[in-house]
Amino acid sequence: MAEPGYQADLETRAGLFAALGHPLRLLILNLVQQRPRHGEELAAILQIKPATVSHHVAKLVQAGLLQAEKDQYYQVYSLQHQSLDQLLSELVFMPQPGLNPRVAEDAYRTKVLAAFFVHGRLKQLPAQRKKRQVIMEHLAELFEPEREYTEREVTLALLDFSDDPVTLRRLLIEHELMQRQQGIYRRSAPGPIKN
């Protein structure tokens, strides 16, 4: 469960996008960007009722996009540059306190392995390349990095998982998880997932 501070930050960010999610509010921001304006002026330019302007301006002020200052009888609105100067990526992507960045990836991996292995044996190879990559990365973990293996050693290790170790050997090479040179196999770092 999200911590209270984290939840509040999330809601603030969502509120900002909600405030921007109306065409009239975007028009108001564009008009105020030119120069500070009061509600009556905005209503006249946009040809809408002052009450409607007040409603939309209140949302923009609440989201921290506009600030209001009293000028005699009017509220004058100007941009809150600090909020508007943030990059979109800074608003959308948040730090995930206490969340291991591999959680989603590991959940996907676990799901794929559970779907294609029964009692530790590979029941079939997935047709989808991304899922097949997960399977092959799992099998590559059988082999120590930097160690050299003969073709026979690789075949015997893969026989524990499938009756077709030749196909698995070929796929380990295709997925760039192992290298083969003059009959000697070496485990390599995983390459990018290909679709």
Protein backbone atom coordinates (compact mmCIF):
# COMPACT_ATOMS: atom_id res chain seq x y z
CA MET A 1 0.00 0.00 0.00
CA ALA A 2 1.27 3.48 -0.87
CA GLU A 3 2.50 5.72 1.95
CA PRO A 4 0.28 8.77 2.70
CA GLY A 5 2.86 11.28 1.37
CA TYR A 6 3.34 9.25 -1.77
CA GLN A 7 -0.43 8.98 -2.28
CA ALA A 8 -0.84 12.74 -1.84
CA ASP A 9 1.90 13.40 -4.40
CA LEU A 10 0.22 11.02 -6.81
CA GLU A 11 -3.13 12.78 -6.38
CA THR A 12 -1.51 16.20 -6.87
CA ARG A 13 -0.01 15.05 -10.15
CA ALA A 14 -3.29 13.52 -11.29
CA GLY A 15 -5.08 16.75 -10.34
CA LEU A 16 -2.73 18.70 -12.57
CA PHE A 17 -3.62 16.54 -15.56
CA ALA A 18 -7.32 16.75 -14.72
CA ALA A 19 -7.06 20.55 -14.66
CA LEU A 20 -5.43 20.51 -18.09
CA GLY A 21 -8.03 18.11 -19.46
CA HIS A 22 -10.56 20.72 -20.58
CA PRO A 23 -10.31 22.88 -23.76
CA LEU A 24 -11.51 26.05 -21.98
CA ARG A 25 -8.80 25.70 -19.35
CA LEU A 26 -6.15 25.38 -22.02
CA LEU A 27 -7.50 28.53 -23.68
CA ILE A 28 -7.43 30.37 -20.34
CA LEU A 29 -3.81 29.34 -19.78
CA ASN A 30 -2.89 30.57 -23.25
CA LEU A 31 -4.61 33.92 -22.68
CA VAL A 32 -2.98 34.38 -19.27
CA GLN A 33 0.39 33.45 -20.75
CA GLN A 34 0.20 36.59 -22.93
CA ARG A 35 -0.37 38.77 -19.83
CA PRO A 36 -2.15 38.55 -16.44
CA ARG A 37 -5.93 38.88 -16.85
CA HIS A 38 -8.98 39.20 -14.62
CA GLY A 39 -12.05 36.95 -14.80
CA GLU A 40 -14.33 39.52 -16.53
CA GLU A 41 -11.75 39.99 -19.27
CA LEU A 42 -11.41 36.25 -19.81
CA ALA A 43 -15.20 35.89 -19.95
CA ALA A 44 -15.43 38.64 -22.58
CA ILE A 45 -12.67 37.16 -24.74
CA LEU A 46 -14.03 33.61 -24.53
CA GLN A 47 -17.66 34.77 -24.79
CA ILE A 48 -18.78 32.75 -21.78
CA LYS A 49 -20.35 33.67 -18.45
CA PRO A 50 -18.06 34.98 -15.68
CA ALA A 51 -19.32 32.16 -13.42
CA THR A 52 -18.04 29.61 -15.95
CA VAL A 53 -14.66 31.35 -16.04
CA SER A 54 -14.57 31.32 -12.22
CA HIS A 55 -15.24 27.58 -12.17
CA HIS A 56 -12.42 26.78 -14.62
CA VAL A 57 -9.97 29.26 -13.13
CA ALA A 58 -10.56 27.75 -9.67
CA LYS A 59 -9.49 24.35 -11.03
CA LEU A 60 -6.32 25.86 -12.52
CA VAL A 61 -5.50 27.68 -9.28
CA GLN A 62 -6.14 24.52 -7.23
CA ALA A 63 -3.77 22.56 -9.52
CA GLY A 64 -1.08 25.22 -9.03
CA LEU A 65 -1.10 26.36 -12.66
CA LEU A 66 -2.46 29.87 -11.99
CA GLN A 67 -2.11 32.26 -9.10
CA ALA A 68 -4.67 34.90 -8.14
CA GLU A 69 -3.97 38.40 -6.80
CA LYS A 70 -6.54 40.95 -5.65
CA ASP A 71 -6.44 44.18 -7.69
CA GLN A 72 -9.12 46.57 -6.44
CA TYR A 73 -12.43 44.85 -7.32
CA TYR A 74 -10.93 42.08 -9.47
CA GLN A 75 -8.97 38.88 -9.07
CA VAL A 76 -6.07 39.02 -11.54
CA TYR A 77 -4.70 35.67 -12.71
CA SER A 78 -1.15 34.98 -13.76
CA LEU A 79 0.83 31.84 -14.56
CA GLN A 80 2.55 29.77 -11.91
CA HIS A 81 5.72 29.22 -13.92
CA GLN A 82 7.18 26.74 -11.46
CA SER A 83 4.44 24.18 -12.24
CA LEU A 84 4.47 24.84 -15.96
CA ASP A 85 8.24 24.66 -16.29
CA GLN A 86 8.33 21.02 -15.18
CA LEU A 87 8.96 18.50 -17.90
CA LEU A 88 6.12 16.13 -18.69
CA SER A 89 8.36 13.18 -17.78
CA GLU A 90 8.98 14.68 -14.33
CA LEU A 91 5.24 14.84 -13.74
CA VAL A 92 4.39 11.40 -15.06
CA PHE A 93 7.29 9.28 -13.82
CA MET A 94 7.60 9.13 -10.05
CA PRO A 95 10.17 7.53 -7.79
CA GLN A 96 8.85 4.23 -6.46
CA PRO A 97 9.97 4.11 -2.81
CA GLY A 98 10.57 0.62 -1.58
CA LEU A 99 9.63 -0.92 -4.92
CA ASN A 100 12.26 -3.01 -6.63
CA PRO A 101 12.33 -1.85 -10.29
CA ARG A 102 12.39 -5.50 -11.40
CA VAL A 103 9.06 -6.34 -9.72
CA ALA A 104 6.92 -6.08 -12.88
CA GLU A 105 9.56 -7.79 -14.99
CA ASP A 106 9.93 -10.60 -12.45
CA ALA A 107 6.15 -11.05 -12.26
CA TYR A 108 6.00 -11.46 -16.04
CA ARG A 109 8.94 -13.87 -15.97
CA THR A 110 7.33 -15.95 -13.21
CA LYS A 111 4.06 -16.11 -15.14
CA VAL A 112 5.78 -17.25 -18.35
CA LEU A 113 7.87 -19.90 -16.57
CA ALA A 114 4.79 -21.24 -14.76
CA ALA A 115 2.90 -21.48 -18.05
CA PHE A 116 5.58 -23.42 -19.93
CA PHE A 117 7.26 -25.59 -17.30
CA VAL A 118 5.58 -28.55 -15.59
CA HIS A 119 7.50 -30.30 -12.80
CA GLY A 120 10.68 -28.61 -13.99
CA ARG A 121 10.33 -29.80 -17.59
CA LEU A 122 9.59 -27.62 -20.58
CA LYS A 123 6.22 -28.77 -21.94
CA GLN A 124 6.51 -26.69 -25.13
CA LEU A 125 8.27 -23.66 -26.55
CA PRO A 126 6.20 -20.48 -26.75
CA ALA A 127 5.47 -19.13 -30.22
CA GLN A 128 5.88 -15.52 -29.08
CA ARG A 129 9.52 -14.43 -29.21
CA LYS A 130 9.36 -12.35 -26.01
CA LYS A 131 8.13 -15.36 -24.02
CA ARG A 132 10.64 -17.63 -25.71
CA GLN A 133 13.37 -15.16 -24.64
CA VAL A 134 12.27 -15.57 -20.99
CA ILE A 135 12.46 -19.37 -21.32
CA MET A 136 15.89 -19.23 -22.94
CA GLU A 137 17.23 -16.78 -20.32
CA HIS A 138 16.04 -19.20 -17.65
CA LEU A 139 17.85 -22.11 -19.33
CA ALA A 140 21.00 -20.01 -19.84
CA GLU A 141 21.23 -19.70 -16.05
CA LEU A 142 22.25 -23.38 -16.02
CA PHE A 143 25.62 -22.35 -17.35
CA GLU A 144 28.27 -20.39 -15.51
CA PRO A 145 29.50 -17.21 -17.19
CA GLU A 146 33.12 -17.39 -18.41
CA ARG A 147 33.18 -21.18 -18.25
CA GLU A 148 33.67 -23.22 -21.42
CA TYR A 149 31.33 -26.14 -22.18
CA THR A 150 31.56 -28.88 -24.75
CA GLU A 151 28.54 -29.55 -26.93
CA ARG A 152 27.97 -32.79 -25.02
CA GLU A 153 27.92 -30.95 -21.64
CA VAL A 154 25.38 -28.45 -22.96
CA THR A 155 23.23 -31.26 -24.39
CA LEU A 156 23.26 -33.24 -21.14
CA ALA A 157 22.33 -30.16 -19.08
CA LEU A 158 19.42 -29.36 -21.40
CA LEU A 159 18.15 -32.97 -21.41
CA ASP A 160 16.95 -32.43 -17.83
CA PHE A 161 14.46 -29.89 -19.21
CA SER A 162 13.50 -31.22 -22.63
CA ASP A 163 13.70 -34.21 -24.94
CA ASP A 164 14.90 -31.85 -27.70
CA PRO A 165 18.17 -30.36 -26.42
CA VAL A 166 19.38 -29.69 -29.98
CA THR A 167 16.63 -27.10 -30.57
CA LEU A 168 17.32 -25.51 -27.18
CA ARG A 169 21.04 -25.32 -27.96
CA ARG A 170 20.28 -23.61 -31.27
CA LEU A 171 17.88 -21.17 -29.59
CA LEU A 172 20.42 -20.26 -26.90
CA ILE A 173 22.73 -19.17 -29.73
CA GLU A 174 19.94 -17.41 -31.69
CA HIS A 175 18.88 -15.47 -28.59
CA GLU A 176 22.53 -14.49 -28.07
CA LEU A 177 22.62 -16.10 -24.64
CA MET A 178 25.44 -18.46 -25.58
CA GLN A 179 28.24 -18.29 -28.08
CA ARG A 180 29.62 -21.26 -29.97
CA GLN A 181 33.08 -21.37 -31.45
CA GLN A 182 34.73 -24.54 -32.73
CA GLY A 183 32.35 -26.74 -30.74
CA ILE A 184 32.93 -24.85 -27.47
CA TYR A 185 30.00 -23.02 -25.82
CA ARG A 186 30.23 -20.01 -23.55
CA ARG A 187 27.40 -18.18 -21.82
CA SER A 188 27.09 -14.53 -22.85
CA ALA A 189 25.17 -11.58 -21.44
CA PRO A 190 21.50 -11.48 -22.51
CA GLY A 191 20.80 -9.33 -25.55
CA PRO A 192 17.79 -7.05 -26.00
CA ILE A 193 14.42 -8.74 -26.20
CA LYS A 194 13.32 -9.03 -29.79
CA ASN A 195 9.66 -9.09 -30.78
